[in-house]
C-alpha atoms as a PDB file:
ATOM      1  CA  UNK A   1       6.219 -14.359  28.647  1.00  0.00           C
ATOM      2  CA  UNK A   2       5.929 -14.268  25.045  1.00  0.00           C
ATOM      3  CA  UNK A   3       6.269 -10.606  24.889  1.00  0.00           C
ATOM      4  CA  UNK A   4       9.581 -10.656  27.044  1.00  0.00           C
ATOM      5  CA  UNK A   5      10.991 -13.347  24.597  1.00  0.00           C
ATOM      6  CA  UNK A   6      10.024 -10.756  21.951  1.00  0.00           C
ATOM      7  CA  UNK A   7      11.688  -8.106  23.490  1.00  0.00           C
ATOM      8  CA  UNK A   8      14.995  -9.569  24.408  1.00  0.00           C
ATOM      9  CA  UNK A   9      15.582 -12.290  21.764  1.00  0.00           C
ATOM     10  CA  UNK A  10      13.144 -12.122  18.860  1.00  0.00           C
ATOM     11  CA  UNK A  11      13.187  -8.581  18.087  1.00  0.00           C
ATOM     12  CA  UNK A  12      17.341  -8.763  17.312  1.00  0.00           C
ATOM     13  CA  UNK A  13      16.459 -11.116  14.669  1.00  0.00           C
ATOM     14  CA  UNK A  14      15.961 -10.551  11.028  1.00  0.00           C
ATOM     15  CA  UNK A  15      12.627 -10.332  10.583  1.00  0.00           C
ATOM     16  CA  UNK A  16      12.198 -12.808   8.000  1.00  0.00           C
ATOM     17  CA  UNK A  17      14.669 -15.117   9.511  1.00  0.00           C
ATOM     18  CA  UNK A  18      13.101 -15.030  12.469  1.00  0.00           C
ATOM     19  CA  UNK A  19       9.518 -15.901  10.469  1.00  0.00           C
ATOM     20  CA  UNK A  20      11.451 -18.624   8.992  1.00  0.00           C
ATOM     21  CA  UNK A  21      12.171 -20.079  12.192  1.00  0.00           C
ATOM     22  CA  UNK A  22       8.648 -19.671  13.732  1.00  0.00           C
ATOM     23  CA  UNK A  23       7.129 -21.654  10.792  1.00  0.00           C
ATOM     24  CA  UNK A  24       9.233 -24.262  12.104  1.00  0.00           C
ATOM     25  CA  UNK A  25       8.162 -24.814  14.805  1.00  0.00           C
ATOM     26  CA  UNK A  26       4.666 -24.095  13.426  1.00  0.00           C
ATOM     27  CA  UNK A  27       5.223 -27.163  11.354  1.00  0.00           C
ATOM     28  CA  UNK A  28       6.036 -29.439  14.355  1.00  0.00           C
ATOM     29  CA  UNK A  29       3.124 -28.198  16.140  1.00  0.00           C
ATOM     30  CA  UNK A  30       0.783 -30.081  13.003  1.00  0.00           C
ATOM     31  CA  UNK A  31       2.448 -33.041  13.727  1.00  0.00           C
ATOM     32  CA  UNK A  32       1.558 -35.483  16.691  1.00  0.00           C
ATOM     33  CA  UNK A  33       1.843 -36.117  20.058  1.00  0.00           C
ATOM     34  CA  UNK A  34       2.497 -31.624  19.392  1.00  0.00           C
ATOM     35  CA  UNK A  35      -0.447 -31.069  17.501  1.00  0.00           C
ATOM     36  CA  UNK A  36      -2.477 -33.134  20.212  1.00  0.00           C
ATOM     37  CA  UNK A  37      -0.998 -31.160  22.686  1.00  0.00           C
ATOM     38  CA  UNK A  38      -1.704 -27.650  21.078  1.00  0.00           C
ATOM     39  CA  UNK A  39      -4.811 -28.943  20.016  1.00  0.00           C
ATOM     40  CA  UNK A  40      -6.056 -29.420  23.924  1.00  0.00           C
ATOM     41  CA  UNK A  41      -4.973 -26.013  24.640  1.00  0.00           C
ATOM     42  CA  UNK A  42      -6.899 -24.170  21.541  1.00  0.00           C
ATOM     43  CA  UNK A  43      -9.934 -26.406  21.091  1.00  0.00           C
ATOM     44  CA  UNK A  44     -12.380 -24.547  19.964  1.00  0.00           C
ATOM     45  CA  UNK A  45     -16.334 -23.797  21.710  1.00  0.00           C
ATOM     46  CA  UNK A  46     -18.737 -25.578  19.540  1.00  0.00           C
ATOM     47  CA  UNK A  47     -20.705 -22.187  19.749  1.00  0.00           C
ATOM     48  CA  UNK A  48     -17.955 -20.656  17.577  1.00  0.00           C
ATOM     49  CA  UNK A  49     -18.964 -22.295  14.802  1.00  0.00           C
ATOM     50  CA  UNK A  50     -19.611 -19.965  11.659  1.00  0.00           C
ATOM     51  CA  UNK A  51     -21.760 -21.019   8.502  1.00  0.00           C
ATOM     52  CA  UNK A  52     -20.241 -19.720   5.262  1.00  0.00           C
ATOM     53  CA  UNK A  53     -19.507 -19.896   1.747  1.00  0.00           C
ATOM     54  CA  UNK A  54     -21.116 -23.756   1.886  1.00  0.00           C
ATOM     55  CA  UNK A  55     -18.702 -24.451   4.300  1.00  0.00           C
ATOM     56  CA  UNK A  56     -18.402 -24.624   8.400  1.00  0.00           C
ATOM     57  CA  UNK A  57     -15.857 -22.961  10.042  1.00  0.00           C
ATOM     58  CA  UNK A  58     -14.804 -23.744  13.703  1.00  0.00           C
ATOM     59  CA  UNK A  59     -14.584 -20.167  14.929  1.00  0.00           C
ATOM     60  CA  UNK A  60     -14.467 -16.727  12.475  1.00  0.00           C
ATOM     61  CA  UNK A  61     -10.816 -16.229  13.597  1.00  0.00           C
ATOM     62  CA  UNK A  62      -8.213 -17.088  10.375  1.00  0.00           C
ATOM     63  CA  UNK A  63      -4.762 -16.619   9.604  1.00  0.00           C
ATOM     64  CA  UNK A  64      -4.008 -13.969   6.659  1.00  0.00           C
ATOM     65  CA  UNK A  65      -2.547 -14.439   3.450  1.00  0.00           C
ATOM     66  CA  UNK A  66       1.361 -13.866   3.439  1.00  0.00           C
ATOM     67  CA  UNK A  67       2.095 -16.036   6.553  1.00  0.00           C
ATOM     68  CA  UNK A  68       2.240 -19.549   4.807  1.00  0.00           C
ATOM     69  CA  UNK A  69       3.219 -18.660   1.587  1.00  0.00           C
ATOM     70  CA  UNK A  70       3.140 -22.536   0.266  1.00  0.00           C
ATOM     71  CA  UNK A  71       0.842 -24.155   2.053  1.00  0.00           C
ATOM     72  CA  UNK A  72       3.756 -25.888   4.796  1.00  0.00           C
ATOM     73  CA  UNK A  73       2.014 -25.166   7.901  1.00  0.00           C
ATOM     74  CA  UNK A  74      -1.986 -25.560   8.030  1.00  0.00           C
ATOM     75  CA  UNK A  75      -2.007 -28.491  10.417  1.00  0.00           C
ATOM     76  CA  UNK A  76       0.158 -26.510  12.823  1.00  0.00           C
ATOM     77  CA  UNK A  77      -2.089 -23.291  12.250  1.00  0.00           C
ATOM     78  CA  UNK A  78      -4.736 -25.413  12.743  1.00  0.00           C
ATOM     79  CA  UNK A  79      -3.694 -27.016  15.938  1.00  0.00           C
ATOM     80  CA  UNK A  80      -2.700 -23.019  17.205  1.00  0.00           C
ATOM     81  CA  UNK A  81      -6.556 -22.595  17.003  1.00  0.00           C
ATOM     82  CA  UNK A  82      -7.211 -20.830  13.393  1.00  0.00           C
ATOM     83  CA  UNK A  83     -10.449 -21.588  11.870  1.00  0.00           C
ATOM     84  CA  UNK A  84      -9.029 -21.104   8.707  1.00  0.00           C
ATOM     85  CA  UNK A  85      -5.498 -20.391   6.786  1.00  0.00           C
ATOM     86  CA  UNK A  86      -5.504 -18.530   3.661  1.00  0.00           C
ATOM     87  CA  UNK A  87      -2.230 -19.683   1.915  1.00  0.00           C
ATOM     88  CA  UNK A  88      -0.407 -17.969  -0.386  1.00  0.00           C
ATOM     89  CA  UNK A  89      -0.163 -15.858  -2.277  1.00  0.00           C
ATOM     90  CA  UNK A  90       0.314 -18.343  -5.179  1.00  0.00           C
ATOM     91  CA  UNK A  91       1.955 -17.630  -8.305  1.00  0.00           C
ATOM     92  CA  UNK A  92       1.256 -19.762 -11.638  1.00  0.00           C
ATOM     93  CA  UNK A  93       5.212 -19.472 -12.323  1.00  0.00           C
ATOM     94  CA  UNK A  94       7.868 -19.861  -8.805  1.00  0.00           C
ATOM     95  CA  UNK A  95       9.543 -16.554  -8.439  1.00  0.00           C
ATOM     96  CA  UNK A  96      11.668 -15.743  -5.745  1.00  0.00           C
ATOM     97  CA  UNK A  97      10.369 -12.540  -4.995  1.00  0.00           C
ATOM     98  CA  UNK A  98      12.051  -9.022  -4.469  1.00  0.00           C
ATOM     99  CA  UNK A  99      15.498  -8.477  -3.326  1.00  0.00           C
ATOM    100  CA  UNK A 100      15.958  -8.502   0.735  1.00  0.00           C
ATOM    101  CA  UNK A 101      15.544  -7.158   3.005  1.00  0.00           C
ATOM    102  CA  UNK A 102      11.933  -7.126   2.008  1.00  0.00           C
ATOM    103  CA  UNK A 103      10.708  -7.361   5.680  1.00  0.00           C
ATOM    104  CA  UNK A 104      10.920  -4.834   8.448  1.00  0.00           C
ATOM    105  CA  UNK A 105       9.547  -4.293  11.923  1.00  0.00           C
ATOM    106  CA  UNK A 106       8.329  -0.946  13.319  1.00  0.00           C
ATOM    107  CA  UNK A 107       7.641  -2.077  16.559  1.00  0.00           C
ATOM    108  CA  UNK A 108       6.402   1.532  18.024  1.00  0.00           C
ATOM    109  CA  UNK A 109       3.562   0.751  15.869  1.00  0.00           C
ATOM    110  CA  UNK A 110       3.120  -2.757  16.330  1.00  0.00           C
ATOM    111  CA  UNK A 111       3.504  -3.035  12.655  1.00  0.00           C
ATOM    112  CA  UNK A 112       5.143  -4.335   9.749  1.00  0.00           C
ATOM    113  CA  UNK A 113       6.966  -3.367   6.566  1.00  0.00           C
ATOM    114  CA  UNK A 114       6.798  -5.922   3.285  1.00  0.00           C
ATOM    115  CA  UNK A 115       7.865  -5.990  -0.077  1.00  0.00           C
ATOM    116  CA  UNK A 116       8.506  -9.653   0.102  1.00  0.00           C
ATOM    117  CA  UNK A 117       6.868  -9.746  -4.274  1.00  0.00           C
ATOM    118  CA  UNK A 118       4.877 -13.251  -3.964  1.00  0.00           C
ATOM    119  CA  UNK A 119       7.897 -15.394  -3.252  1.00  0.00           C
ATOM    120  CA  UNK A 120       6.462 -18.762  -3.122  1.00  0.00           C
ATOM    121  CA  UNK A 121       7.325 -22.407  -5.054  1.00  0.00           C
ATOM    122  CA  UNK A 122       4.678 -22.079  -8.268  1.00  0.00           C
ATOM    123  CA  UNK A 123       1.203 -23.631  -8.132  1.00  0.00           C
ATOM    124  CA  UNK A 124       2.462 -26.808  -9.115  1.00  0.00           C
ATOM    125  CA  UNK A 125       4.870 -27.308  -6.093  1.00  0.00           C
ATOM    126  CA  UNK A 126       1.205 -26.271  -3.877  1.00  0.00           C
ATOM    127  CA  UNK A 127      -0.805 -28.435  -5.845  1.00  0.00           C
ATOM    128  CA  UNK A 128       1.616 -31.185  -4.849  1.00  0.00           C
ATOM    129  CA  UNK A 129       1.303 -29.893  -1.330  1.00  0.00           C
ATOM    130  CA  UNK A 130      -2.814 -29.576  -0.825  1.00  0.00           C
ATOM    131  CA  UNK A 131      -3.352 -32.930  -2.508  1.00  0.00           C
ATOM    132  CA  UNK A 132      -1.252 -34.469   0.147  1.00  0.00           C
ATOM    133  CA  UNK A 133      -3.141 -32.146   2.853  1.00  0.00           C
ATOM    134  CA  UNK A 134      -6.603 -33.010   1.419  1.00  0.00           C
ATOM    135  CA  UNK A 135      -5.696 -36.713   1.921  1.00  0.00           C
ATOM    136  CA  UNK A 136      -4.842 -36.236   5.751  1.00  0.00           C
ATOM    137  CA  UNK A 137      -8.222 -34.328   6.656  1.00  0.00           C
ATOM    138  CA  UNK A 138      -6.774 -30.934   8.103  1.00  0.00           C
ATOM    139  CA  UNK A 139      -8.612 -29.377  10.889  1.00  0.00           C
ATOM    140  CA  UNK A 140      -9.116 -25.978   9.044  1.00  0.00           C
ATOM    141  CA  UNK A 141     -10.493 -24.705   6.073  1.00  0.00           C
ATOM    142  CA  UNK A 142      -8.015 -23.914   3.840  1.00  0.00           C
ATOM    143  CA  UNK A 143      -8.429 -21.098   1.558  1.00  0.00           C
ATOM    144  CA  UNK A 144      -5.960 -20.427  -1.612  1.00  0.00           C
ATOM    145  CA  UNK A 145      -4.669 -17.397  -2.534  1.00  0.00           C
ATOM    146  CA  UNK A 146      -3.447 -16.350  -5.853  1.00  0.00           C
ATOM    147  CA  UNK A 147      -1.592 -13.893  -7.660  1.00  0.00           C
ATOM    148  CA  UNK A 148       0.143 -12.853 -10.823  1.00  0.00           C
ATOM    149  CA  UNK A 149       3.551 -14.112 -11.730  1.00  0.00           C
ATOM    150  CA  UNK A 150       5.850 -11.408 -11.946  1.00  0.00           C
ATOM    151  CA  UNK A 151       7.076 -12.030 -14.661  1.00  0.00           C
ATOM    152  CA  UNK A 152       3.760 -12.043 -17.125  1.00  0.00           C
ATOM    153  CA  UNK A 153       3.120  -8.703 -18.367  1.00  0.00           C
ATOM    154  CA  UNK A 154      -0.159  -7.264 -16.859  1.00  0.00           C
ATOM    155  CA  UNK A 155      -2.385  -7.574 -20.393  1.00  0.00           C
ATOM    156  CA  UNK A 156      -1.654 -11.055 -20.262  1.00  0.00           C
ATOM    157  CA  UNK A 157      -2.448 -11.315 -16.375  1.00  0.00           C
ATOM    158  CA  UNK A 158      -5.928 -13.393 -16.613  1.00  0.00           C
ATOM    159  CA  UNK A 159      -4.449 -16.174 -18.120  1.00  0.00           C
ATOM    160  CA  UNK A 160      -2.014 -16.418 -15.422  1.00  0.00           C
ATOM    161  CA  UNK A 161      -4.267 -16.375 -13.092  1.00  0.00           C
ATOM    162  CA  UNK A 162      -6.248 -19.016 -14.485  1.00  0.00           C
ATOM    163  CA  UNK A 163      -3.846 -21.462 -15.132  1.00  0.00           C
ATOM    164  CA  UNK A 164      -3.123 -21.448 -11.260  1.00  0.00           C
ATOM    165  CA  UNK A 165      -7.320 -21.292 -10.825  1.00  0.00           C
ATOM    166  CA  UNK A 166      -7.261 -24.615 -12.907  1.00  0.00           C
ATOM    167  CA  UNK A 167      -4.845 -26.454 -10.300  1.00  0.00           C
ATOM    168  CA  UNK A 168      -5.421 -25.011  -7.295  1.00  0.00           C
ATOM    169  CA  UNK A 169      -9.043 -24.554  -7.175  1.00  0.00           C
ATOM    170  CA  UNK A 170     -10.383 -28.351  -6.734  1.00  0.00           C
ATOM    171  CA  UNK A 171      -8.215 -28.270  -3.851  1.00  0.00           C
ATOM    172  CA  UNK A 172      -9.162 -24.955  -1.793  1.00  0.00           C
ATOM    173  CA  UNK A 173     -12.436 -25.036  -0.190  1.00  0.00           C
ATOM    174  CA  UNK A 174     -12.192 -21.424  -1.451  1.00  0.00           C
ATOM    175  CA  UNK A 175      -9.936 -19.447  -4.123  1.00  0.00           C
ATOM    176  CA  UNK A 176      -8.916 -15.853  -3.286  1.00  0.00           C
ATOM    177  CA  UNK A 177      -7.844 -13.645  -6.169  1.00  0.00           C
ATOM    178  CA  UNK A 178      -5.006 -11.018  -4.838  1.00  0.00           C
ATOM    179  CA  UNK A 179      -5.202  -8.095  -7.076  1.00  0.00           C
ATOM    180  CA  UNK A 180      -3.828  -5.478  -3.893  1.00  0.00           C
ATOM    181  CA  UNK A 181      -0.856  -5.962  -3.298  1.00  0.00           C
ATOM    182  CA  UNK A 182       2.099  -3.104  -3.909  1.00  0.00           C
ATOM    183  CA  UNK A 183       4.663  -5.456  -4.698  1.00  0.00           C
ATOM    184  CA  UNK A 184       4.004  -6.447  -8.173  1.00  0.00           C
ATOM    185  CA  UNK A 185       4.162  -4.065 -10.127  1.00  0.00           C
ATOM    186  CA  UNK A 186       1.144  -2.929 -12.376  1.00  0.00           C
ATOM    187  CA  UNK A 187      -1.244  -5.409 -10.451  1.00  0.00           C
ATOM    188  CA  UNK A 188      -3.235  -2.702  -7.880  1.00  0.00           C
ATOM    189  CA  UNK A 189      -4.253  -1.378 -11.807  1.00  0.00           C
ATOM    190  CA  UNK A 190      -6.282  -4.630 -12.035  1.00  0.00           C
ATOM    191  CA  UNK A 191      -8.919  -3.246  -9.558  1.00  0.00           C
ATOM    192  CA  UNK A 192     -10.091  -0.865 -12.063  1.00  0.00           C
ATOM    193  CA  UNK A 193     -13.408  -2.510 -13.005  1.00  0.00           C
ATOM    194  CA  UNK A 194     -13.416  -2.515 -16.674  1.00  0.00           C
ATOM    195  CA  UNK A 195     -10.553  -4.364 -15.974  1.00  0.00           C
ATOM    196  CA  UNK A 196     -11.514  -6.412 -12.908  1.00  0.00           C
ATOM    197  CA  UNK A 197     -14.706  -7.214 -14.732  1.00  0.00           C
ATOM    198  CA  UNK A 198     -13.498  -9.886 -17.283  1.00  0.00           C
ATOM    199  CA  UNK A 199     -10.437 -11.483 -14.656  1.00  0.00           C
ATOM    200  CA  UNK A 200     -13.329 -12.222 -12.213  1.00  0.00           C
ATOM    201  CA  UNK A 201     -15.180 -14.140 -15.073  1.00  0.00           C
ATOM    202  CA  UNK A 202     -12.990 -15.922 -16.400  1.00  0.00           C
ATOM    203  CA  UNK A 203     -11.321 -17.393 -12.593  1.00  0.00           C
ATOM    204  CA  UNK A 204     -14.884 -17.816 -12.026  1.00  0.00           C
ATOM    205  CA  UNK A 205     -15.599 -20.185 -14.767  1.00  0.00           C
ATOM    206  CA  UNK A 206     -12.028 -21.987 -13.955  1.00  0.00           C
ATOM    207  CA  UNK A 207     -12.354 -22.445 -10.873  1.00  0.00           C
ATOM    208  CA  UNK A 208     -15.862 -24.037 -11.482  1.00  0.00           C
ATOM    209  CA  UNK A 209     -17.857 -24.650  -7.671  1.00  0.00           C
ATOM    210  CA  UNK A 210     -14.825 -23.988  -5.707  1.00  0.00           C
ATOM    211  CA  UNK A 211     -16.287 -20.558  -3.559  1.00  0.00           C
ATOM    212  CA  UNK A 212     -14.101 -17.477  -5.342  1.00  0.00           C
ATOM    213  CA  UNK A 213     -13.818 -13.855  -3.419  1.00  0.00           C
ATOM    214  CA  UNK A 214     -11.085 -11.178  -4.431  1.00  0.00           C
ATOM    215  CA  UNK A 215      -8.938  -9.131  -1.936  1.00  0.00           C
ATOM    216  CA  UNK A 216      -9.290  -5.616  -2.350  1.00  0.00           C
ATOM    217  CA  UNK A 217      -6.491  -2.678  -1.064  1.00  0.00           C
ATOM    218  CA  UNK A 218      -7.444  -0.414   1.949  1.00  0.00           C
ATOM    219  CA  UNK A 219      -5.946   2.893  -0.457  1.00  0.00           C
ATOM    220  CA  UNK A 220      -9.224   2.730  -3.297  1.00  0.00           C
ATOM    221  CA  UNK A 221     -11.136   5.654  -2.649  1.00  0.00           C
ATOM    222  CA  UNK A 222     -14.653   4.674  -0.931  1.00  0.00           C
ATOM    223  CA  UNK A 223     -16.534   4.711  -4.380  1.00  0.00           C
ATOM    224  CA  UNK A 224     -14.350   2.388  -5.949  1.00  0.00           C
ATOM    225  CA  UNK A 225     -14.256   0.171  -3.059  1.00  0.00           C
ATOM    226  CA  UNK A 226     -18.427   0.276  -3.788  1.00  0.00           C
ATOM    227  CA  UNK A 227     -17.940  -0.317  -6.793  1.00  0.00           C
ATOM    228  CA  UNK A 228     -16.035  -3.771  -6.892  1.00  0.00           C
ATOM    229  CA  UNK A 229     -17.996  -4.875  -4.013  1.00  0.00           C
ATOM    230  CA  UNK A 230     -20.978  -4.531  -6.135  1.00  0.00           C
ATOM    231  CA  UNK A 231     -19.264  -5.790  -9.269  1.00  0.00           C
ATOM    232  CA  UNK A 232     -18.058  -8.937  -7.115  1.00  0.00           C
ATOM    233  CA  UNK A 233     -21.785  -9.620  -6.081  1.00  0.00           C
ATOM    234  CA  UNK A 234     -23.029  -9.063 -10.541  1.00  0.00           C
ATOM    235  CA  UNK A 235     -20.383 -11.675 -11.064  1.00  0.00           C
ATOM    236  CA  UNK A 236     -21.673 -14.190  -9.032  1.00  0.00           C
ATOM    237  CA  UNK A 237     -18.156 -13.966  -6.982  1.00  0.00           C
ATOM    238  CA  UNK A 238     -19.022 -15.861  -3.504  1.00  0.00           C
ATOM    239  CA  UNK A 239     -17.186 -13.010  -1.443  1.00  0.00           C
ATOM    240  CA  UNK A 240     -14.782  -9.784  -0.826  1.00  0.00           C
ATOM    241  CA  UNK A 241     -11.855 -10.169   1.483  1.00  0.00           C
ATOM    242  CA  UNK A 242     -11.320  -6.177   3.050  1.00  0.00           C
ATOM    243  CA  UNK A 243      -8.156  -5.388   2.865  1.00  0.00           C
ATOM    244  CA  UNK A 244      -4.549  -6.104   2.042  1.00  0.00           C
ATOM    245  CA  UNK A 245      -1.526  -4.003   3.223  1.00  0.00           C
ATOM    246  CA  UNK A 246      -1.890   0.035   2.487  1.00  0.00           C
ATOM    247  CA  UNK A 247       1.073   2.167   0.772  1.00  0.00           C
ATOM    248  CA  UNK A 248       0.017   4.870   3.323  1.00  0.00           C
ATOM    249  CA  UNK A 249       2.983   5.892   6.340  1.00  0.00           C
ATOM    250  CA  UNK A 250       0.519   8.423   7.737  1.00  0.00           C
ATOM    251  CA  UNK A 251       0.371   8.786  11.650  1.00  0.00           C
ATOM    252  CA  UNK A 252       3.060   6.121  12.748  1.00  0.00           C
ATOM    253  CA  UNK A 253       5.102   6.664  16.223  1.00  0.00           C
ATOM    254  CA  UNK A 254       8.186   5.141  14.664  1.00  0.00           C
ATOM    255  CA  UNK A 255      11.159   7.040  14.288  1.00  0.00           C
ATOM    256  CA  UNK A 256      10.242   8.847  10.611  1.00  0.00           C
ATOM    257  CA  UNK A 257      14.187   7.987   9.641  1.00  0.00           C
ATOM    258  CA  UNK A 258      13.593   4.472  10.297  1.00  0.00           C
ATOM    259  CA  UNK A 259      10.105   4.393   8.739  1.00  0.00           C
ATOM    260  CA  UNK A 260      12.184   5.721   5.147  1.00  0.00           C
ATOM    261  CA  UNK A 261      14.935   3.376   5.809  1.00  0.00           C
ATOM    262  CA  UNK A 262      12.431   0.722   5.518  1.00  0.00           C
ATOM    263  CA  UNK A 263      11.167   1.773   2.003  1.00  0.00           C
ATOM    264  CA  UNK A 264       8.594   0.796   0.103  1.00  0.00           C
ATOM    265  CA  UNK A 265       6.074  -2.120   0.597  1.00  0.00           C
ATOM    266  CA  UNK A 266       2.879  -2.582   2.068  1.00  0.00           C
ATOM    267  CA  UNK A 267       2.114  -1.587   5.979  1.00  0.00           C
ATOM    268  CA  UNK A 268       0.037  -3.593   8.306  1.00  0.00           C
ATOM    269  CA  UNK A 269      -0.336  -4.053  11.662  1.00  0.00           C
ATOM    270  CA  UNK A 270      -1.930  -1.451  14.417  1.00  0.00           C
ATOM    271  CA  UNK A 271      -2.310   1.361  11.625  1.00  0.00           C
ATOM    272  CA  UNK A 272      -4.691  -0.364   9.026  1.00  0.00           C
ATOM    273  CA  UNK A 273      -6.940  -0.743  11.734  1.00  0.00           C
ATOM    274  CA  UNK A 274      -9.456   2.205  11.033  1.00  0.00           C
ATOM    275  CA  UNK A 275      -9.111   2.032   7.006  1.00  0.00           C
ATOM    276  CA  UNK A 276      -9.767  -1.214   7.153  1.00  0.00           C
ATOM    277  CA  UNK A 277     -12.595  -1.666   9.159  1.00  0.00           C
ATOM    278  CA  UNK A 278     -13.945   1.671   7.435  1.00  0.00           C
ATOM    279  CA  UNK A 279     -13.898  -0.031   3.750  1.00  0.00           C
ATOM    280  CA  UNK A 280     -15.444  -3.437   5.431  1.00  0.00           C
ATOM    281  CA  UNK A 281     -18.470  -1.258   6.488  1.00  0.00           C
ATOM    282  CA  UNK A 282     -18.676   0.043   3.182  1.00  0.00           C
ATOM    283  CA  UNK A 283     -18.220  -3.331   1.247  1.00  0.00           C
ATOM    284  CA  UNK A 284     -21.111  -4.485   3.585  1.00  0.00           C
ATOM    285  CA  UNK A 285     -23.638  -2.110   2.629  1.00  0.00           C
ATOM    286  CA  UNK A 286     -23.055  -2.418  -0.811  1.00  0.00           C
ATOM    287  CA  UNK A 287     -23.622  -6.749  -1.047  1.00  0.00           C
ATOM    288  CA  UNK A 288     -26.260  -8.324   0.343  1.00  0.00           C
ATOM    289  CA  UNK A 289     -27.000  -9.718   3.617  1.00  0.00           C
ATOM    290  CA  UNK A 290     -25.793 -13.328   2.441  1.00  0.00           C
ATOM    291  CA  UNK A 291     -22.554 -12.098   0.796  1.00  0.00           C
ATOM    292  CA  UNK A 292     -19.097 -13.519   2.474  1.00  0.00           C
ATOM    293  CA  UNK A 293     -16.900 -10.280   3.719  1.00  0.00           C
ATOM    294  CA  UNK A 294     -13.878 -11.311   5.422  1.00  0.00           C
ATOM    295  CA  UNK A 295     -12.128  -8.500   7.110  1.00  0.00           C
ATOM    296  CA  UNK A 296      -8.646  -8.130   7.879  1.00  0.00           C
ATOM    297  CA  UNK A 297      -6.158  -6.023   8.548  1.00  0.00           C
ATOM    298  CA  UNK A 298      -4.938  -3.903  12.162  1.00  0.00           C
ATOM    299  CA  UNK A 299      -7.224  -6.896  14.576  1.00  0.00           C
ATOM    300  CA  UNK A 300      -5.311  -7.749  17.478  1.00  0.00           C
ATOM    301  CA  UNK A 301      -7.632  -8.647  20.377  1.00  0.00           C
ATOM    302  CA  UNK A 302     -10.795 -10.379  20.418  1.00  0.00           C
ATOM    303  CA  UNK A 303     -12.841  -7.082  21.291  1.00  0.00           C
ATOM    304  CA  UNK A 304     -11.388  -6.008  17.714  1.00  0.00           C
ATOM    305  CA  UNK A 305     -12.366  -9.003  16.392  1.00  0.00           C
ATOM    306  CA  UNK A 306     -15.974  -8.627  17.636  1.00  0.00           C
ATOM    307  CA  UNK A 307     -16.109  -5.199  16.440  1.00  0.00           C
ATOM    308  CA  UNK A 308     -15.394  -6.556  12.742  1.00  0.00           C
ATOM    309  CA  UNK A 309     -18.095  -8.914  13.243  1.00  0.00           C
ATOM    310  CA  UNK A 310     -20.396  -6.621  14.425  1.00  0.00           C
ATOM    311  CA  UNK A 311     -19.707  -4.402  11.637  1.00  0.00           C
ATOM    312  CA  UNK A 312     -20.790  -6.634   9.495  1.00  0.00           C
ATOM    313  CA  UNK A 313     -17.355  -9.514   8.738  1.00  0.00           C
ATOM    314  CA  UNK A 314     -19.060 -12.832   8.067  1.00  0.00           C
ATOM    315  CA  UNK A 315     -15.015 -13.815   9.237  1.00  0.00           C
ATOM    316  CA  UNK A 316     -11.919 -12.409  10.031  1.00  0.00           C
ATOM    317  CA  UNK A 317      -8.459 -12.835   9.504  1.00  0.00           C
ATOM    318  CA  UNK A 318      -4.949 -11.780  11.061  1.00  0.00           C
ATOM    319  CA  UNK A 319      -1.089 -11.937  10.974  1.00  0.00           C
ATOM    320  CA  UNK A 320       0.613  -9.089  11.974  1.00  0.00           C
ATOM    321  CA  UNK A 321      -0.157  -9.186  15.737  1.00  0.00           C
ATOM    322  CA  UNK A 322       1.207 -12.804  15.292  1.00  0.00           C
ATOM    323  CA  UNK A 323       4.586 -11.833  15.398  1.00  0.00           C
ATOM    324  CA  UNK A 324       3.813  -9.666  18.376  1.00  0.00           C
ATOM    325  CA  UNK A 325       1.138 -11.881  20.345  1.00  0.00           C
ATOM    326  CA  UNK A 326       3.282 -15.002  19.967  1.00  0.00           C
ATOM    327  CA  UNK A 327       2.044 -19.396  18.978  1.00  0.00           C
ATOM    328  CA  UNK A 328      -1.004 -18.381  21.607  1.00  0.00           C
ATOM    329  CA  UNK A 329      -2.151 -15.588  19.760  1.00  0.00           C
ATOM    330  CA  UNK A 330      -5.618 -17.502  18.310  1.00  0.00           C
ATOM    331  CA  UNK A 331      -6.489 -18.705  21.772  1.00  0.00           C
ATOM    332  CA  UNK A 332      -6.343 -15.451  23.469  1.00  0.00           C
ATOM    333  CA  UNK A 333      -8.249 -13.915  20.343  1.00  0.00           C
ATOM    334  CA  UNK A 334     -11.131 -16.841  20.828  1.00  0.00           C
ATOM    335  CA  UNK A 335     -10.788 -16.114  24.672  1.00  0.00           C
ATOM    336  CA  UNK A 336     -11.631 -12.835  24.569  1.00  0.00           C
ATOM    337  CA  UNK A 337     -14.712 -13.593  22.431  1.00  0.00           C
ATOM    338  CA  UNK A 338     -16.123 -15.572  24.564  1.00  0.00           C
ATOM    339  CA  UNK A 339     -15.961 -13.429  27.254  1.00  0.00           C
ATOM    340  CA  UNK A 340     -17.700 -10.766  24.845  1.00  0.00           C
END
């Protein structure tokens, strides 16, 4: 049913408009009695629970950062069956993001190109929303993904991340440092080990007891992936998220002219599957068995999520397939996991 609705109706709308419209529905589903109905359809099996980061995740599958940038849809996403919701990316300073259009569907590839540019209302606004969420006891684990404010110079990035961490870490179940988006100038350069080490150290101190993870790009060479994984362990982080979007456009089925027209930005969805899985395996080999590794990139089915878990992922996240699968996607993933 949803596939037909997507093909005949939703695919005709501007992708960013469709996303905002979808978020309205998600927010409604977070409010009783709609949340009760949704929960009845998506209630997790107790056998799905995962213990990680000192937390209990009701299911290993969650929604990746980027879907709920301002922490407005957490309760609705939990009602739809996601075991954790990573909000953000949130920056210390509010920012509108890059000029529109900045979100493009590559339907033949079940992929998306985005150059959103960390559009969000800022850490202070997120702090207020998260405080209200905490008072209402959300049904999902809440991760908070933080990034560099665009107006802040790269050499001042550490203080900018620390400002966000001070505000948001006390309200987060875990905190994730995003140094891997391709849509903020200079950001990926922070992944260099000599630059990343002092950043991780400072943010970890600011985060206090809140588990801290770092999110990396899929486009790094294998040896750099392993080096960052080892650094994360050495600096006392609780985990690593692999991976963000890719700047690669190799092997796409979409008309090349349409790909060129979409322009720069991060590619997510099915084309990222193989590289994301490969990075997961590299990271898992480089870190201890009890180190949390969250795998994200290209998963769409329960079998693909299971493949990540069997390859060493502690938890798995998705995002892009939500656009193609619809509101019951998390339920379908978990049904697939149970069948296996």
